Amino acid sequence: MIRRGLRASFKFELGYTDVSEASNCNELMKELKSNHYTHLILDINLSDGSSLEVLPNIKELYPTLQIAILSMQPAVVYAKVLQQYGAVYFINKAALEEDTTRLLKQFLANEPPHIALSERGSANPFSNFSPRELEVLHYLLKGFKTNEIADELGLMKNTISTVKARIFEKTKTKNLMELGELATLLKVKGK
């Protein structure tokens, strides 16, 4: 639905008819390889994983590609991680249509966003998470167990346990219930 709405905005409000889309990381990388793009709107969560997994490769292979991030999460959660890859545009899926259209126009014109990603607040403990910590966090919030997360990410169970401990330490929470409550309070979701 969101992709369909974005395509309609591109076509009817911005006049762009040649817009491609991919629903997972694998399709995305194939599409980027087969065509030349100047701009990419990247959803944080794709059907086969987190785009945070492929973002480093995208920036390495396509350093001039302009990237906007699309998510339901607050911008501050991803600000620090995304800036290291040059992503300064953030489109919230819950934003008003006119705000989204305005930001898309700025993005396509390569104008700086009205509010920089880094200026959107830093009181959120999730804003200092590494890409791996954000990935594990989202699986935890979805109810995945440590060994299930390890399987999903192709990592050792001990690695996930270590990352999980860092998440509790950075958020000053003691268990998954407290972590979930803090995530709800700060509007960070597992999806």
N, C-alpha and C. Protein backbone atom coordinates (compact mmCIF):
# COMPACT_ATOMS: atom_id res chain seq x y z
N MET A 1 0.83 -1.20 0.00
CA MET A 1 0.00 0.00 0.00
C MET A 1 0.87 1.26 0.00
N ILE A 2 1.89 1.25 0.82
CA ILE A 2 2.76 2.43 0.91
C ILE A 2 3.49 2.64 -0.41
N ARG A 3 4.02 1.55 -0.97
CA ARG A 3 4.72 1.68 -2.27
C ARG A 3 3.77 2.18 -3.34
N ARG A 4 2.55 1.68 -3.34
CA ARG A 4 1.56 2.11 -4.31
C ARG A 4 1.25 3.60 -4.15
N GLY A 5 1.13 4.04 -2.91
CA GLY A 5 0.89 5.46 -2.64
C GLY A 5 2.06 6.34 -3.09
N LEU A 6 3.28 5.87 -2.86
CA LEU A 6 4.46 6.62 -3.31
C LEU A 6 4.51 6.71 -4.82
N ARG A 7 4.22 5.59 -5.49
CA ARG A 7 4.20 5.60 -6.97
C ARG A 7 3.17 6.60 -7.48
N ALA A 8 2.00 6.64 -6.85
CA ALA A 8 0.95 7.59 -7.25
C ALA A 8 1.42 9.03 -7.03
N SER A 9 2.09 9.28 -5.92
CA SER A 9 2.63 10.62 -5.66
C SER A 9 3.65 11.02 -6.71
N PHE A 10 4.55 10.08 -7.03
CA PHE A 10 5.55 10.37 -8.06
C PHE A 10 4.90 10.69 -9.39
N LYS A 11 3.90 9.93 -9.76
CA LYS A 11 3.26 10.10 -11.06
C LYS A 11 2.38 11.34 -11.12
N PHE A 12 1.46 11.47 -10.18
CA PHE A 12 0.44 12.52 -10.29
C PHE A 12 0.85 13.86 -9.69
N GLU A 13 1.70 13.85 -8.67
CA GLU A 13 2.07 15.11 -8.02
C GLU A 13 3.43 15.62 -8.46
N LEU A 14 4.33 14.70 -8.83
CA LEU A 14 5.69 15.10 -9.16
C LEU A 14 6.03 14.91 -10.64
N GLY A 15 5.17 14.21 -11.38
CA GLY A 15 5.37 14.04 -12.81
C GLY A 15 6.38 12.99 -13.22
N TYR A 16 6.74 12.09 -12.33
CA TYR A 16 7.69 11.01 -12.66
C TYR A 16 6.90 9.75 -12.96
N THR A 17 7.12 9.18 -14.14
CA THR A 17 6.40 7.96 -14.51
C THR A 17 7.30 6.73 -14.53
N ASP A 18 8.60 6.94 -14.63
CA ASP A 18 9.54 5.82 -14.69
C ASP A 18 10.10 5.55 -13.29
N VAL A 19 9.31 4.84 -12.48
CA VAL A 19 9.69 4.53 -11.11
C VAL A 19 9.69 3.01 -10.96
N SER A 20 10.79 2.46 -10.46
CA SER A 20 10.90 1.02 -10.25
C SER A 20 10.78 0.72 -8.77
N GLU A 21 10.49 -0.53 -8.46
CA GLU A 21 10.41 -0.92 -7.06
C GLU A 21 10.91 -2.34 -6.87
N ALA A 22 11.32 -2.62 -5.65
CA ALA A 22 11.77 -3.95 -5.26
C ALA A 22 11.20 -4.24 -3.88
N SER A 23 10.82 -5.48 -3.64
CA SER A 23 10.20 -5.80 -2.36
C SER A 23 11.14 -6.48 -1.37
N ASN A 24 12.35 -6.83 -1.83
CA ASN A 24 13.30 -7.45 -0.90
C ASN A 24 14.73 -7.05 -1.25
N CYS A 25 15.64 -7.39 -0.37
CA CYS A 25 17.05 -6.99 -0.54
C CYS A 25 17.64 -7.55 -1.83
N ASN A 26 17.33 -8.78 -2.13
CA ASN A 26 17.87 -9.43 -3.33
C ASN A 26 17.39 -8.72 -4.60
N GLU A 27 16.08 -8.46 -4.69
CA GLU A 27 15.54 -7.73 -5.85
C GLU A 27 16.16 -6.34 -5.95
N LEU A 28 16.32 -5.69 -4.82
CA LEU A 28 16.88 -4.34 -4.79
C LEU A 28 18.28 -4.33 -5.39
N MET A 29 19.13 -5.24 -4.96
CA MET A 29 20.50 -5.26 -5.46
C MET A 29 20.53 -5.59 -6.96
N LYS A 30 19.66 -6.49 -7.42
CA LYS A 30 19.58 -6.81 -8.85
C LYS A 30 19.13 -5.59 -9.65
N GLU A 31 18.14 -4.88 -9.13
CA GLU A 31 17.61 -3.69 -9.82
C GLU A 31 18.68 -2.61 -9.90
N LEU A 32 19.40 -2.37 -8.83
CA LEU A 32 20.46 -1.35 -8.84
C LEU A 32 21.57 -1.72 -9.83
N LYS A 33 21.85 -3.01 -9.96
CA LYS A 33 22.90 -3.47 -10.87
C LYS A 33 22.47 -3.33 -12.33
N SER A 34 21.19 -3.56 -12.60
CA SER A 34 20.73 -3.59 -14.00
C SER A 34 20.39 -2.21 -14.57
N ASN A 35 20.17 -1.21 -13.73
CA ASN A 35 19.81 0.12 -14.20
C ASN A 35 20.59 1.19 -13.45
N HIS A 36 20.70 2.35 -14.06
CA HIS A 36 21.38 3.47 -13.41
C HIS A 36 20.34 4.33 -12.70
N TYR A 37 20.51 4.50 -11.40
CA TYR A 37 19.59 5.32 -10.61
C TYR A 37 20.35 6.45 -9.94
N THR A 38 19.66 7.55 -9.75
CA THR A 38 20.24 8.69 -9.04
C THR A 38 19.68 8.80 -7.63
N HIS A 39 18.45 8.29 -7.42
CA HIS A 39 17.78 8.39 -6.13
C HIS A 39 17.15 7.05 -5.75
N LEU A 40 17.18 6.77 -4.45
CA LEU A 40 16.62 5.54 -3.92
C LEU A 40 15.86 5.85 -2.65
N ILE A 41 14.62 5.41 -2.59
CA ILE A 41 13.85 5.49 -1.34
C ILE A 41 13.85 4.08 -0.78
N LEU A 42 14.45 3.94 0.37
CA LEU A 42 14.73 2.62 0.93
C LEU A 42 13.95 2.42 2.22
N ASP A 43 13.06 1.43 2.21
CA ASP A 43 12.33 1.06 3.42
C ASP A 43 13.30 0.33 4.34
N ILE A 44 13.24 0.63 5.62
CA ILE A 44 14.12 -0.04 6.58
C ILE A 44 13.88 -1.54 6.58
N ASN A 45 12.61 -1.94 6.57
CA ASN A 45 12.28 -3.36 6.63
C ASN A 45 11.81 -3.84 5.27
N LEU A 46 12.54 -4.81 4.73
CA LEU A 46 12.16 -5.45 3.48
C LEU A 46 11.73 -6.88 3.81
N SER A 47 11.09 -7.54 2.88
CA SER A 47 10.52 -8.86 3.17
C SER A 47 11.55 -9.92 3.56
N ASP A 48 12.80 -9.76 3.11
CA ASP A 48 13.81 -10.75 3.44
C ASP A 48 14.87 -10.23 4.41
N GLY A 49 14.59 -9.14 5.10
CA GLY A 49 15.54 -8.64 6.08
C GLY A 49 15.51 -7.13 6.18
N SER A 50 16.49 -6.63 6.87
CA SER A 50 16.60 -5.19 7.09
C SER A 50 17.48 -4.58 6.01
N SER A 51 17.08 -3.42 5.53
CA SER A 51 17.90 -2.75 4.53
C SER A 51 19.21 -2.26 5.14
N LEU A 52 19.29 -2.24 6.47
CA LEU A 52 20.55 -1.87 7.11
C LEU A 52 21.65 -2.88 6.76
N GLU A 53 21.24 -4.09 6.40
CA GLU A 53 22.21 -5.12 6.01
C GLU A 53 22.84 -4.80 4.66
N VAL A 54 22.07 -4.23 3.73
CA VAL A 54 22.59 -3.98 2.38
C VAL A 54 23.04 -2.54 2.16
N LEU A 55 22.69 -1.65 3.06
CA LEU A 55 23.04 -0.24 2.89
C LEU A 55 24.55 -0.01 2.74
N PRO A 56 25.40 -0.67 3.54
CA PRO A 56 26.85 -0.47 3.32
C PRO A 56 27.29 -0.86 1.92
N ASN A 57 26.77 -1.97 1.39
CA ASN A 57 27.12 -2.41 0.04
C ASN A 57 26.61 -1.44 -1.01
N ILE A 58 25.40 -0.93 -0.81
CA ILE A 58 24.82 0.01 -1.76
C ILE A 58 25.70 1.26 -1.85
N LYS A 59 26.09 1.81 -0.70
CA LYS A 59 26.91 3.03 -0.72
C LYS A 59 28.30 2.78 -1.28
N GLU A 60 28.83 1.59 -1.06
CA GLU A 60 30.14 1.27 -1.62
C GLU A 60 30.08 1.12 -3.14
N LEU A 61 29.05 0.44 -3.62
CA LEU A 61 28.91 0.20 -5.06
C LEU A 61 28.39 1.42 -5.82
N TYR A 62 27.56 2.22 -5.17
CA TYR A 62 26.91 3.37 -5.82
C TYR A 62 27.07 4.62 -4.94
N PRO A 63 28.29 5.13 -4.83
CA PRO A 63 28.56 6.23 -3.88
C PRO A 63 27.81 7.53 -4.18
N THR A 64 27.38 7.75 -5.40
CA THR A 64 26.68 9.00 -5.72
C THR A 64 25.16 8.87 -5.59
N LEU A 65 24.68 7.68 -5.33
CA LEU A 65 23.24 7.44 -5.20
C LEU A 65 22.70 8.20 -3.99
N GLN A 66 21.67 9.00 -4.19
CA GLN A 66 21.01 9.73 -3.11
C GLN A 66 19.99 8.78 -2.47
N ILE A 67 20.02 8.70 -1.14
CA ILE A 67 19.15 7.74 -0.46
C ILE A 67 18.27 8.44 0.55
N ALA A 68 16.98 8.13 0.49
CA ALA A 68 16.01 8.55 1.50
C ALA A 68 15.53 7.28 2.20
N ILE A 69 15.33 7.37 3.49
CA ILE A 69 14.89 6.24 4.28
C ILE A 69 13.40 6.38 4.58
N LEU A 70 12.69 5.28 4.44
CA LEU A 70 11.25 5.22 4.69
C LEU A 70 11.01 4.27 5.85
N SER A 71 10.31 4.74 6.89
CA SER A 71 10.08 3.88 8.05
C SER A 71 8.93 4.39 8.90
N MET A 72 8.40 3.52 9.72
CA MET A 72 7.41 3.90 10.73
C MET A 72 8.11 4.37 12.00
N GLN A 73 9.38 4.04 12.14
CA GLN A 73 10.13 4.40 13.34
C GLN A 73 10.44 5.89 13.37
N PRO A 74 10.63 6.45 14.56
CA PRO A 74 11.07 7.84 14.63
C PRO A 74 12.46 8.00 13.99
N ALA A 75 12.69 9.11 13.34
CA ALA A 75 13.96 9.35 12.65
C ALA A 75 15.16 9.23 13.58
N VAL A 76 15.01 9.68 14.81
CA VAL A 76 16.13 9.71 15.74
C VAL A 76 16.69 8.31 16.00
N VAL A 77 15.88 7.28 15.86
CA VAL A 77 16.34 5.91 16.09
C VAL A 77 17.46 5.55 15.13
N TYR A 78 17.36 6.01 13.90
CA TYR A 78 18.31 5.62 12.86
C TYR A 78 19.33 6.70 12.50
N ALA A 79 19.17 7.90 13.03
CA ALA A 79 19.96 9.05 12.58
C ALA A 79 21.46 8.77 12.51
N LYS A 80 22.03 8.31 13.59
CA LYS A 80 23.48 8.13 13.65
C LYS A 80 23.96 7.07 12.65
N VAL A 81 23.24 5.96 12.57
CA VAL A 81 23.61 4.88 11.66
C VAL A 81 23.48 5.32 10.21
N LEU A 82 22.37 5.99 9.89
CA LEU A 82 22.12 6.37 8.50
C LEU A 82 23.07 7.45 8.01
N GLN A 83 23.45 8.36 8.87
CA GLN A 83 24.35 9.43 8.44
C GLN A 83 25.71 8.91 8.01
N GLN A 84 26.15 7.80 8.58
CA GLN A 84 27.45 7.26 8.16
C GLN A 84 27.39 6.76 6.72
N TYR A 85 26.18 6.57 6.19
CA TYR A 85 26.02 6.16 4.79
C TYR A 85 25.49 7.29 3.93
N GLY A 86 25.51 8.50 4.46
CA GLY A 86 25.10 9.66 3.68
C GLY A 86 23.60 9.83 3.52
N ALA A 87 22.80 9.07 4.24
CA ALA A 87 21.35 9.20 4.15
C ALA A 87 20.88 10.27 5.13
N VAL A 88 20.42 11.41 4.60
CA VAL A 88 19.97 12.50 5.47
C VAL A 88 18.48 12.77 5.33
N TYR A 89 17.84 12.13 4.38
CA TYR A 89 16.39 12.27 4.20
C TYR A 89 15.69 11.13 4.92
N PHE A 90 14.64 11.47 5.62
CA PHE A 90 13.88 10.46 6.35
C PHE A 90 12.40 10.73 6.12
N ILE A 91 11.71 9.72 5.60
CA ILE A 91 10.28 9.84 5.32
C ILE A 91 9.54 8.92 6.27
N ASN A 92 8.73 9.50 7.13
CA ASN A 92 7.94 8.71 8.07
C ASN A 92 6.67 8.26 7.37
N LYS A 93 6.37 6.97 7.44
CA LYS A 93 5.19 6.42 6.78
C LYS A 93 3.89 7.03 7.30
N ALA A 94 3.92 7.56 8.51
CA ALA A 94 2.72 8.13 9.10
C ALA A 94 2.60 9.64 8.85
N ALA A 95 3.53 10.21 8.09
CA ALA A 95 3.51 11.66 7.84
C ALA A 95 2.30 12.05 6.98
N LEU A 96 1.91 13.29 7.10
CA LEU A 96 0.83 13.81 6.27
C LEU A 96 1.26 13.81 4.81
N GLU A 97 0.31 13.67 3.91
CA GLU A 97 0.60 13.59 2.48
C GLU A 97 1.38 14.80 1.99
N GLU A 98 0.97 16.00 2.41
CA GLU A 98 1.66 17.21 1.94
C GLU A 98 3.10 17.28 2.46
N ASP A 99 3.34 16.78 3.68
CA ASP A 99 4.71 16.75 4.21
C ASP A 99 5.58 15.77 3.41
N THR A 100 5.00 14.62 3.09
CA THR A 100 5.73 13.63 2.30
C THR A 100 6.05 14.18 0.92
N THR A 101 5.08 14.81 0.28
CA THR A 101 5.29 15.39 -1.06
C THR A 101 6.37 16.46 -1.02
N ARG A 102 6.32 17.33 -0.02
CA ARG A 102 7.33 18.39 0.12
C ARG A 102 8.73 17.78 0.27
N LEU A 103 8.85 16.76 1.11
CA LEU A 103 10.15 16.13 1.33
C LEU A 103 10.63 15.41 0.09
N LEU A 104 9.72 14.77 -0.64
CA LEU A 104 10.10 14.10 -1.88
C LEU A 104 10.64 15.11 -2.91
N LYS A 105 9.98 16.27 -3.00
CA LYS A 105 10.46 17.32 -3.92
C LYS A 105 11.86 17.77 -3.54
N GLN A 106 12.11 17.99 -2.25
CA GLN A 106 13.44 18.39 -1.80
C GLN A 106 14.46 17.31 -2.11
N PHE A 107 14.09 16.08 -1.84
CA PHE A 107 14.99 14.95 -2.06
C PHE A 107 15.37 14.84 -3.54
N LEU A 108 14.37 14.90 -4.43
CA LEU A 108 14.63 14.76 -5.86
C LEU A 108 15.41 15.95 -6.43
N ALA A 109 15.29 17.12 -5.80
CA ALA A 109 16.03 18.30 -6.23
C ALA A 109 17.39 18.38 -5.55
N ASN A 110 17.72 17.38 -4.74
CA ASN A 110 18.98 17.35 -3.98
C ASN A 110 19.14 18.56 -3.06
N GLU A 111 18.04 19.08 -2.57
CA GLU A 111 18.06 20.17 -1.59
C GLU A 111 18.20 19.57 -0.20
N PRO A 112 18.84 20.29 0.71
CA PRO A 112 18.93 19.74 2.07
C PRO A 112 17.54 19.67 2.70
N PRO A 113 17.30 18.64 3.53
CA PRO A 113 15.99 18.54 4.17
C PRO A 113 15.75 19.72 5.10
N HIS A 114 14.48 20.05 5.32
CA HIS A 114 14.12 21.17 6.19
C HIS A 114 14.70 20.99 7.59
N ILE A 115 14.61 19.77 8.12
CA ILE A 115 15.20 19.45 9.41
C ILE A 115 16.16 18.29 9.18
N ALA A 116 17.42 18.54 9.49
CA ALA A 116 18.42 17.49 9.28
C ALA A 116 18.14 16.32 10.21
N LEU A 117 18.48 15.14 9.74
CA LEU A 117 18.27 13.93 10.52
C LEU A 117 18.93 14.06 11.89
N SER A 118 20.08 14.67 11.97
CA SER A 118 20.81 14.79 13.23
C SER A 118 20.17 15.78 14.20
N GLU A 119 19.28 16.65 13.71
CA GLU A 119 18.66 17.65 14.56
C GLU A 119 17.33 17.19 15.14
N ARG A 120 16.98 15.96 14.93
CA ARG A 120 15.66 15.50 15.34
C ARG A 120 15.63 14.97 16.77
N GLY A 121 16.58 15.30 17.56
CA GLY A 121 16.57 14.90 18.97
C GLY A 121 17.55 13.78 19.24
N SER A 122 18.06 13.73 20.47
CA SER A 122 19.02 12.69 20.80
C SER A 122 18.76 12.08 22.17
N ALA A 123 17.59 12.36 22.77
CA ALA A 123 17.26 11.80 24.08
C ALA A 123 16.87 10.34 23.97
N ASN A 124 16.74 9.85 22.79
CA ASN A 124 16.32 8.47 22.56
C ASN A 124 17.53 7.55 22.67
N PRO A 125 17.54 6.59 23.63
CA PRO A 125 18.71 5.71 23.76
C PRO A 125 18.93 4.84 22.54
N PHE A 126 17.90 4.62 21.73
CA PHE A 126 18.05 3.80 20.54
C PHE A 126 18.86 4.51 19.45
N SER A 127 19.01 5.82 19.57
CA SER A 127 19.70 6.59 18.53
C SER A 127 21.19 6.30 18.46
N ASN A 128 21.75 5.68 19.48
CA ASN A 128 23.18 5.36 19.48
C ASN A 128 23.46 3.89 19.17
N PHE A 129 22.45 3.19 18.66
CA PHE A 129 22.63 1.78 18.33
C PHE A 129 23.41 1.63 17.03
N SER A 130 24.18 0.56 16.97
CA SER A 130 24.87 0.19 15.72
C SER A 130 23.84 -0.46 14.80
N PRO A 131 24.17 -0.61 13.51
CA PRO A 131 23.24 -1.31 12.62
C PRO A 131 22.87 -2.71 13.12
N ARG A 132 23.83 -3.45 13.63
CA ARG A 132 23.56 -4.81 14.13
C ARG A 132 22.63 -4.76 15.34
N GLU A 133 22.85 -3.80 16.24
CA GLU A 133 21.99 -3.67 17.41
C GLU A 133 20.56 -3.34 16.99
N LEU A 134 20.40 -2.50 15.98
CA LEU A 134 19.06 -2.18 15.49
C LEU A 134 18.38 -3.42 14.90
N GLU A 135 19.14 -4.21 14.16
CA GLU A 135 18.57 -5.44 13.59
C GLU A 135 18.09 -6.38 14.69
N VAL A 136 18.96 -6.62 15.66
CA VAL A 136 18.61 -7.53 16.76
C VAL A 136 17.44 -6.97 17.56
N LEU A 137 17.45 -5.66 17.80
CA LEU A 137 16.34 -5.02 18.52
C LEU A 137 15.01 -5.31 17.85
N HIS A 138 14.93 -5.14 16.57
CA HIS A 138 13.67 -5.34 15.87
C HIS A 138 13.21 -6.80 15.94
N TYR A 139 14.13 -7.72 15.87
CA TYR A 139 13.74 -9.13 16.03
C TYR A 139 13.27 -9.39 17.46
N LEU A 140 13.95 -8.81 18.44
CA LEU A 140 13.52 -8.97 19.83
C LEU A 140 12.12 -8.42 20.04
N LEU A 141 11.85 -7.25 19.47
CA LEU A 141 10.54 -6.63 19.63
C LEU A 141 9.44 -7.40 18.90
N LYS A 142 9.84 -8.19 17.92
CA LYS A 142 8.86 -9.04 17.22
C LYS A 142 8.62 -10.34 17.97
N GLY A 143 9.39 -10.57 19.05
CA GLY A 143 9.19 -11.78 19.86
C GLY A 143 10.11 -12.94 19.50
N PHE A 144 11.11 -12.71 18.67
CA PHE A 144 12.05 -13.77 18.31
C PHE A 144 12.93 -14.11 19.51
N LYS A 145 13.26 -15.37 19.65
CA LYS A 145 14.19 -15.85 20.68
C LYS A 145 15.62 -15.70 20.15
N THR A 146 16.58 -15.76 21.06
CA THR A 146 17.99 -15.58 20.71
C THR A 146 18.43 -16.52 19.58
N ASN A 147 18.10 -17.80 19.70
CA ASN A 147 18.54 -18.75 18.67
C ASN A 147 17.81 -18.51 17.34
N GLU A 148 16.56 -18.02 17.38
CA GLU A 148 15.84 -17.70 16.15
C GLU A 148 16.47 -16.50 15.44
N ILE A 149 16.89 -15.52 16.23
CA ILE A 149 17.55 -14.34 15.66
C ILE A 149 18.88 -14.76 15.03
N ALA A 150 19.61 -15.61 15.73
CA ALA A 150 20.89 -16.11 15.20
C ALA A 150 20.67 -16.80 13.85
N ASP A 151 19.63 -17.61 13.77
CA ASP A 151 19.32 -18.30 12.50
C ASP A 151 18.96 -17.30 11.40
N GLU A 152 18.12 -16.33 11.73
CA GLU A 152 17.68 -15.33 10.75
C GLU A 152 18.86 -14.53 10.19
N LEU A 153 19.79 -14.16 11.07
CA LEU A 153 20.91 -13.31 10.66
C LEU A 153 22.17 -14.10 10.29
N GLY A 154 22.11 -15.41 10.44
CA GLY A 154 23.27 -16.24 10.11
C GLY A 154 24.45 -16.01 11.04
N LEU A 155 24.15 -15.79 12.31
CA LEU A 155 25.19 -15.52 13.30
C LEU A 155 25.16 -16.58 14.40
N MET A 156 26.21 -16.59 15.22
CA MET A 156 26.26 -17.51 16.35
C MET A 156 25.33 -17.01 17.45
N LYS A 157 24.79 -17.94 18.21
CA LYS A 157 23.90 -17.60 19.32
C LYS A 157 24.62 -16.70 20.33
N ASN A 158 25.92 -16.97 20.57
CA ASN A 158 26.70 -16.15 21.52
C ASN A 158 26.80 -14.70 21.05
N THR A 159 26.92 -14.51 19.74
CA THR A 159 27.00 -13.15 19.20
C THR A 159 25.70 -12.40 19.48
N ILE A 160 24.58 -13.06 19.26
CA ILE A 160 23.28 -12.44 19.51
C ILE A 160 23.12 -12.14 21.00
N SER A 161 23.56 -13.04 21.85
CA SER A 161 23.49 -12.82 23.30
C SER A 161 24.30 -11.60 23.71
N THR A 162 25.47 -11.44 23.10
CA THR A 162 26.32 -10.28 23.39
C THR A 162 25.65 -8.99 22.95
N VAL A 163 25.09 -8.99 21.74
CA VAL A 163 24.40 -7.81 21.22
C VAL A 163 23.19 -7.49 22.09
N LYS A 164 22.47 -8.52 22.49
CA LYS A 164 21.29 -8.35 23.35
C LYS A 164 21.71 -7.70 24.68
N ALA A 165 22.81 -8.15 25.25
CA ALA A 165 23.30 -7.56 26.51
C ALA A 165 23.65 -6.09 26.32
N ARG A 166 24.26 -5.75 25.17
CA ARG A 166 24.58 -4.33 24.89
C ARG A 166 23.30 -3.50 24.75
N ILE A 167 22.27 -4.10 24.16
CA ILE A 167 20.99 -3.39 24.01
C ILE A 167 20.41 -3.07 25.38
N PHE A 168 20.42 -4.06 26.28
CA PHE A 168 19.91 -3.82 27.63
C PHE A 168 20.75 -2.77 28.35
N GLU A 169 22.05 -2.82 28.15
CA GLU A 169 22.94 -1.85 28.79
C GLU A 169 22.69 -0.43 28.27
N LYS A 170 22.61 -0.27 26.97
CA LYS A 170 22.41 1.06 26.38
C LYS A 170 21.04 1.66 26.71
N THR A 171 20.04 0.79 26.90
CA THR A 171 18.69 1.29 27.19
C THR A 171 18.40 1.30 28.69
N LYS A 172 19.36 0.79 29.47
CA LYS A 172 19.20 0.70 30.92
C LYS A 172 17.94 -0.08 31.29
N THR A 173 17.70 -1.15 30.54
CA THR A 173 16.58 -2.06 30.82
C THR A 173 17.15 -3.39 31.29
N LYS A 174 16.32 -4.15 32.03
CA LYS A 174 16.80 -5.40 32.61
C LYS A 174 16.26 -6.64 31.92
N ASN A 175 15.17 -6.47 31.18
CA ASN A 175 14.56 -7.63 30.54
C ASN A 175 13.75 -7.20 29.31
N LEU A 176 13.21 -8.18 28.61
CA LEU A 176 12.47 -7.88 27.38
C LEU A 176 11.20 -7.08 27.64
N MET A 177 10.57 -7.28 28.80
CA MET A 177 9.37 -6.52 29.12
C MET A 177 9.69 -5.03 29.25
N GLU A 178 10.75 -4.71 29.98
CA GLU A 178 11.16 -3.30 30.13
C GLU A 178 11.59 -2.72 28.79
N LEU A 179 12.31 -3.51 28.01
CA LEU A 179 12.74 -3.05 26.69
C LEU A 179 11.53 -2.76 25.81
N GLY A 180 10.55 -3.65 25.83
CA GLY A 180 9.32 -3.45 25.06
C GLY A 180 8.56 -2.21 25.50
N GLU A 181 8.49 -1.98 26.81
CA GLU A 181 7.80 -0.79 27.33
C GLU A 181 8.51 0.49 26.88
N LEU A 182 9.85 0.49 26.95
CA LEU A 182 10.61 1.66 26.51
C LEU A 182 10.42 1.89 25.01
N ALA A 183 10.46 0.82 24.25
CA ALA A 183 10.27 0.93 22.80
C ALA A 183 8.89 1.47 22.49
N THR A 184 7.86 1.03 23.21
CA THR A 184 6.51 1.53 23.01
C THR A 184 6.43 3.00 23.36
N LEU A 185 7.02 3.37 24.48
CA LEU A 185 7.02 4.76 24.93
C LEU A 185 7.66 5.68 23.90
N LEU A 186 8.76 5.22 23.30
CA LEU A 186 9.50 6.05 22.32
C LEU A 186 9.06 5.76 20.89
N LYS A 187 7.96 5.01 20.75
CA LYS A 187 7.36 4.70 19.45
C LYS A 187 8.30 3.94 18.51
N VAL A 188 9.10 3.05 19.09
CA VAL A 188 9.95 2.15 18.32
C VAL A 188 9.23 0.82 18.26
N LYS A 189 9.03 0.30 17.06
CA LYS A 189 8.25 -0.94 16.89
C LYS A 189 9.11 -2.03 16.29
N GLY A 190 8.66 -3.25 16.44
CA GLY A 190 9.38 -4.40 15.89
C GLY A 190 9.10 -4.62 14.42
N LYS A 191 8.20 -3.86 13.83
CA LYS A 191 7.85 -4.09 12.42
C LYS A 191 8.24 -2.92 11.57
